[in-house]
Amino acid sequence: MRKGYKKLLVILLTAAVLLAGYFLFFWKKLASEPPKPTAQNNQIAQNQKGEAKNSETENQTEEKKTEPAEEKPAPNIPEKFLLEIPFYSQTPLSKWDAFHEEMCEEASVLNAGLYLAGKKLTKEEFEAELQKMQKTEKKEIGEWKSTTITQIKKLVDVYFDGAIKSKIVDNPSIEDIETEISAGNPVIIPLSGRDIGNPNFTPPGPVYHMLVIKGYDSQNFITNDVGTRKGNSYVYKKEVLMKNMHDWNKKNIHAGGKRILVLTK
């Protein structure tokens, strides 16, 4: 082999070795560096962060939804209470006739109204007021026998000329009644009279009856039951009056609505 060719071959081999070493060096360097994020990878990463944030927000919202609502404190009602309402029967002069047998509504209104007005009457004066109330009913309502709570409210508004106010409460609870009593407000309640079990009624007792609730204790309502001369502070079990609370219904007393009339100053 000629000397010139040998020299050329050595140069080429040397160049090849250098070139191979160069490529090997940069290949290792590229392999050791982490890949640069592409735009697509950036978008995926942002989506993952957003999903994580939304999940956290949903969890917080769910926690808020499942938190129990705060219970309202029960009204501060005394365990027992009594209004000192003087008692007048619907027959103040002990005369049980057709007129007085229909006077339980009016007598209940007078018991409660006179108490709020701070007035006391003799039996004779109470009798005279019953007569006046009947005349007022005939004029303003057109009815005085077996009147509804709505009609009795109108009687209160007219008869006391605004000095005594009244309100109807539909479907009252025991707590509603006790709240009114402890606030100083007498409660007039309509009843299916033959179901309340008062032994002082002449059998079989009145189909429809009204009385005044003036007090209560843990088990009982204390009343002015105007339907008997023994009705002063007459005690009924709460459940008895609540069960038999019925407004006047001509066809069926037991179909009468559950409501009361509350008198206030």
Protein backbone atom coordinates (compact mmCIF):
# COMPACT_ATOMS: atom_id res chain seq x y z
CA MET A 1 0.00 0.00 0.00
CA ARG A 2 1.26 3.37 -0.82
CA LYS A 3 2.31 5.70 1.90
CA GLY A 4 -0.23 8.35 0.87
CA TYR A 5 -3.12 5.98 1.13
CA LYS A 6 -2.13 4.89 4.61
CA LYS A 7 -2.01 8.47 5.77
CA LEU A 8 -5.47 9.15 4.33
CA LEU A 9 -6.90 6.05 5.99
CA VAL A 10 -5.53 7.08 9.37
CA ILE A 11 -7.10 10.53 9.00
CA LEU A 12 -10.48 9.07 8.08
CA LEU A 13 -10.45 6.59 10.97
CA THR A 14 -9.50 9.35 13.40
CA ALA A 15 -12.36 11.56 12.12
CA ALA A 16 -14.83 8.71 12.42
CA VAL A 17 -13.79 8.01 16.03
CA LEU A 18 -14.10 11.70 16.94
CA LEU A 19 -17.47 12.00 15.26
CA ALA A 20 -18.77 8.87 17.04
CA GLY A 21 -17.55 10.19 20.37
CA TYR A 22 -19.25 13.54 19.74
CA PHE A 23 -22.62 11.90 18.98
CA LEU A 24 -22.32 9.58 21.97
CA PHE A 25 -21.65 12.52 24.31
CA PHE A 26 -24.70 14.57 23.20
CA TRP A 27 -26.95 11.48 23.16
CA LYS A 28 -26.27 10.81 26.84
CA LYS A 29 -26.85 14.49 27.68
CA LEU A 30 -30.22 14.57 25.94
CA ALA A 31 -31.25 11.32 27.60
CA SER A 32 -30.45 12.69 31.09
CA GLU A 33 -32.53 15.90 30.70
CA PRO A 34 -36.32 15.78 31.53
CA PRO A 35 -38.58 16.37 28.55
CA LYS A 36 -39.85 19.89 28.13
CA PRO A 37 -43.65 20.20 28.62
CA THR A 38 -45.58 20.66 25.46
CA ALA A 39 -48.69 22.83 25.08
CA GLN A 40 -50.85 19.72 25.23
CA ASN A 41 -49.21 18.57 28.46
CA ASN A 42 -49.73 22.04 29.95
CA GLN A 43 -53.44 21.90 29.14
CA ILE A 44 -53.79 18.44 30.72
CA ALA A 45 -52.03 19.63 33.86
CA GLN A 46 -54.32 22.70 34.12
CA ASN A 47 -57.40 20.53 33.63
CA GLN A 48 -56.26 18.21 36.41
CA LYS A 49 -55.75 21.17 38.76
CA GLY A 50 -59.19 22.54 37.86
CA GLU A 51 -60.86 19.18 38.49
CA ALA A 52 -59.15 18.91 41.85
CA LYS A 53 -60.29 22.43 42.79
CA ASN A 54 -63.88 21.76 41.67
CA SER A 55 -63.90 18.52 43.65
CA GLU A 56 -62.74 20.38 46.74
CA THR A 57 -65.43 23.08 46.25
CA GLU A 58 -68.14 20.44 45.78
CA ASN A 59 -67.03 18.68 48.96
CA GLN A 60 -67.19 21.97 50.89
CA THR A 61 -70.66 22.70 49.44
CA GLU A 62 -71.84 19.21 50.35
CA GLU A 63 -70.54 19.69 53.89
CA LYS A 64 -72.51 22.94 54.17
CA LYS A 65 -75.66 21.23 52.91
CA THR A 66 -75.39 18.42 55.40
CA GLU A 67 -74.85 20.72 58.38
CA PRO A 68 -77.93 20.46 60.63
CA ALA A 69 -80.17 23.54 60.80
CA GLU A 70 -80.04 25.45 64.04
CA GLU A 71 -83.02 24.63 66.24
CA LYS A 72 -85.14 27.58 67.31
CA PRO A 73 -85.32 27.92 71.07
CA ALA A 74 -88.67 27.01 72.58
CA PRO A 75 -90.66 29.95 73.92
CA ASN A 76 -90.15 30.64 77.60
CA ILE A 77 -93.50 29.42 78.96
CA PRO A 78 -94.03 28.98 82.71
CA GLU A 79 -94.78 25.44 83.85
CA LYS A 80 -98.12 26.61 85.23
CA PHE A 81 -100.12 29.81 85.05
CA LEU A 82 -103.51 31.14 86.12
CA LEU A 83 -105.43 34.27 85.21
CA GLU A 84 -107.61 35.48 88.08
CA ILE A 85 -110.79 35.77 86.05
CA PRO A 86 -113.95 36.16 88.15
CA PHE A 87 -116.54 33.50 87.38
CA TYR A 88 -120.04 34.13 86.05
CA SER A 89 -122.32 31.35 84.89
CA GLN A 90 -124.38 31.63 81.71
CA THR A 91 -127.37 31.57 84.07
CA PRO A 92 -126.21 34.09 86.72
CA LEU A 93 -129.61 34.04 88.40
CA SER A 94 -129.90 30.22 88.15
CA LYS A 95 -132.74 30.44 85.67
CA TRP A 96 -132.31 27.64 83.14
CA ASP A 97 -134.67 28.49 80.31
CA ALA A 98 -134.44 28.46 76.51
CA PHE A 99 -132.67 31.83 76.48
CA HIS A 100 -129.95 30.97 78.98
CA GLU A 101 -129.32 27.53 77.54
CA GLU A 102 -127.97 29.33 74.45
CA MET A 103 -125.79 31.81 76.32
CA CYS A 104 -122.49 29.91 76.73
CA GLU A 105 -120.80 31.88 73.93
CA GLU A 106 -121.88 35.27 75.25
CA ALA A 107 -121.14 34.41 78.88
CA SER A 108 -117.64 33.22 77.92
CA VAL A 109 -116.98 36.49 76.09
CA LEU A 110 -118.17 38.49 79.10
CA ASN A 111 -116.04 36.47 81.56
CA ALA A 112 -112.92 37.14 79.50
CA GLY A 113 -113.76 40.69 78.42
CA LEU A 114 -114.66 41.98 81.87
CA TYR A 115 -111.40 40.58 83.23
CA LEU A 116 -109.36 42.42 80.60
CA ALA A 117 -111.37 45.59 81.21
CA GLY A 118 -110.78 45.30 84.97
CA LYS A 119 -114.49 45.29 85.76
CA LYS A 120 -116.57 43.23 88.17
CA LEU A 121 -120.35 42.97 88.03
CA THR A 122 -123.08 41.73 90.27
CA LYS A 123 -125.06 38.74 89.09
CA GLU A 124 -127.91 41.05 88.17
CA GLU A 125 -125.61 43.30 86.16
CA PHE A 126 -124.14 40.29 84.39
CA GLU A 127 -127.64 39.14 83.48
CA ALA A 128 -128.38 42.57 82.02
CA GLU A 129 -125.20 42.41 79.91
CA LEU A 130 -126.24 39.03 78.50
CA GLN A 131 -129.52 40.57 77.40
CA LYS A 132 -127.66 43.44 75.71
CA MET A 133 -125.32 41.05 73.94
CA GLN A 134 -128.22 39.10 72.48
CA LYS A 135 -129.68 42.31 71.05
CA THR A 136 -126.29 43.20 69.56
CA GLU A 137 -126.04 39.76 67.93
CA LYS A 138 -129.51 40.02 66.43
CA LYS A 139 -128.63 43.39 64.93
CA GLU A 140 -125.02 42.83 63.81
CA ILE A 141 -124.92 39.09 63.11
CA GLY A 142 -128.54 38.03 62.62
CA GLU A 143 -128.00 34.98 64.82
CA TRP A 144 -127.53 34.40 68.54
CA LYS A 145 -128.03 30.66 68.95
CA SER A 146 -125.00 28.38 68.38
CA THR A 147 -122.71 31.01 66.91
CA THR A 148 -119.34 30.28 65.31
CA ILE A 149 -115.97 31.60 66.43
CA THR A 150 -116.02 34.05 63.51
CA GLN A 151 -119.41 35.39 64.59
CA ILE A 152 -118.27 35.64 68.20
CA LYS A 153 -115.21 37.60 67.10
CA LYS A 154 -117.51 40.10 65.40
CA LEU A 155 -119.57 40.31 68.60
CA VAL A 156 -116.42 41.09 70.62
CA ASP A 157 -115.30 43.76 68.16
CA VAL A 158 -118.68 45.48 68.12
CA TYR A 159 -119.73 45.04 71.74
CA PHE A 160 -116.50 46.27 73.30
CA ASP A 161 -116.07 48.93 70.58
CA GLY A 162 -112.32 48.33 70.22
CA ALA A 163 -111.52 48.41 73.94
CA ILE A 164 -111.00 44.65 73.82
CA LYS A 165 -109.35 43.08 70.76
CA SER A 166 -109.68 39.53 69.50
CA LYS A 167 -107.98 37.15 67.10
CA ILE A 168 -108.79 33.72 65.73
CA VAL A 169 -106.10 31.01 65.86
CA ASP A 170 -106.66 28.02 63.58
CA ASN A 171 -105.43 24.57 64.55
CA PRO A 172 -103.82 25.74 67.81
CA SER A 173 -101.42 23.54 69.74
CA ILE A 174 -101.31 23.18 73.51
CA GLU A 175 -98.20 25.36 73.44
CA ASP A 176 -100.09 28.06 71.48
CA ILE A 177 -102.81 28.17 74.14
CA GLU A 178 -100.32 28.22 77.02
CA THR A 179 -98.37 31.01 75.33
CA GLU A 180 -101.51 33.16 75.15
CA ILE A 181 -102.55 32.42 78.72
CA SER A 182 -99.09 33.20 80.13
CA ALA A 183 -99.16 36.47 78.16
CA GLY A 184 -102.36 37.44 80.02
CA ASN A 185 -104.80 36.65 77.20
CA PRO A 186 -107.92 34.55 77.96
CA VAL A 187 -108.76 31.87 75.41
CA ILE A 188 -112.30 31.01 74.34
CA ILE A 189 -112.62 27.48 72.99
CA PRO A 190 -115.58 25.89 71.12
CA LEU A 191 -116.31 22.25 71.92
CA SER A 192 -118.48 19.25 71.19
CA GLY A 193 -120.09 19.55 74.60
CA ARG A 194 -121.29 15.99 75.02
CA ASP A 195 -117.77 14.62 74.61
CA ILE A 196 -115.89 16.56 77.28
CA GLY A 197 -117.32 14.54 80.17
CA ASN A 198 -118.49 17.23 82.60
CA PRO A 199 -120.74 15.42 85.11
CA ASN A 200 -122.42 18.68 86.10
CA PHE A 201 -124.17 19.02 82.73
CA THR A 202 -127.78 17.95 82.57
CA PRO A 203 -127.68 14.73 80.51
CA PRO A 204 -126.98 14.31 77.70
CA GLY A 205 -125.25 17.71 77.77
CA PRO A 206 -125.03 20.42 75.11
CA VAL A 207 -124.18 19.44 71.55
CA TYR A 208 -122.19 22.65 71.21
CA HIS A 209 -120.44 24.45 74.04
CA MET A 210 -117.97 27.25 74.74
CA LEU A 211 -115.88 28.02 77.80
CA VAL A 212 -112.90 30.12 78.84
CA ILE A 213 -109.45 28.67 79.38
CA LYS A 214 -107.78 30.83 82.03
CA GLY A 215 -104.89 28.68 83.23
CA TYR A 216 -102.93 25.47 82.98
CA ASP A 217 -100.54 23.15 84.78
CA SER A 218 -98.50 20.20 83.54
CA GLN A 219 -101.55 18.02 82.80
CA ASN A 220 -104.63 20.23 82.82
CA PHE A 221 -106.38 23.29 81.49
CA ILE A 222 -108.10 25.41 84.15
CA THR A 223 -111.35 26.93 82.92
CA ASN A 224 -114.32 29.09 83.65
CA ASP A 225 -116.94 26.65 82.41
CA VAL A 226 -120.00 28.89 82.19
CA GLY A 227 -122.27 25.89 81.51
CA THR A 228 -122.51 24.96 85.20
CA ARG A 229 -122.70 26.84 88.49
CA LYS A 230 -119.74 24.67 89.57
CA GLY A 231 -117.64 25.85 86.66
CA ASN A 232 -115.31 28.21 88.53
CA SER A 233 -111.74 27.02 87.87
CA TYR A 234 -113.07 23.74 86.52
CA VAL A 235 -110.22 21.43 85.47
CA TYR A 236 -110.10 19.43 82.23
CA LYS A 237 -107.31 17.24 80.95
CA LYS A 238 -105.55 19.03 78.13
CA GLU A 239 -106.03 16.17 75.71
CA VAL A 240 -109.81 16.14 76.35
CA LEU A 241 -110.28 19.75 75.26
CA MET A 242 -107.81 19.47 72.37
CA LYS A 243 -109.50 16.34 71.01
CA ASN A 244 -113.03 17.77 71.28
CA MET A 245 -112.27 21.28 70.02
CA HIS A 246 -114.85 21.92 67.27
CA ASP A 247 -116.31 25.13 65.90
CA TRP A 248 -120.04 25.17 65.27
CA ASN A 249 -121.17 23.00 62.35
CA LYS A 250 -124.91 22.68 61.94
CA LYS A 251 -124.80 19.33 60.14
CA ASN A 252 -122.17 17.61 62.27
CA ILE A 253 -120.43 19.18 65.27
CA HIS A 254 -117.50 16.79 64.86
CA ALA A 255 -116.87 18.25 61.41
CA GLY A 256 -116.39 21.70 62.91
CA GLY A 257 -112.93 23.22 62.50
CA LYS A 258 -110.37 23.41 65.28
CA ARG A 259 -109.89 27.04 66.25
CA ILE A 260 -109.93 29.33 69.26
CA LEU A 261 -110.64 32.99 69.96
CA VAL A 262 -108.02 34.92 71.92
CA LEU A 263 -108.99 38.13 73.70
CA THR A 264 -106.40 40.84 74.34
CA LYS A 265 -106.28 44.41 75.56
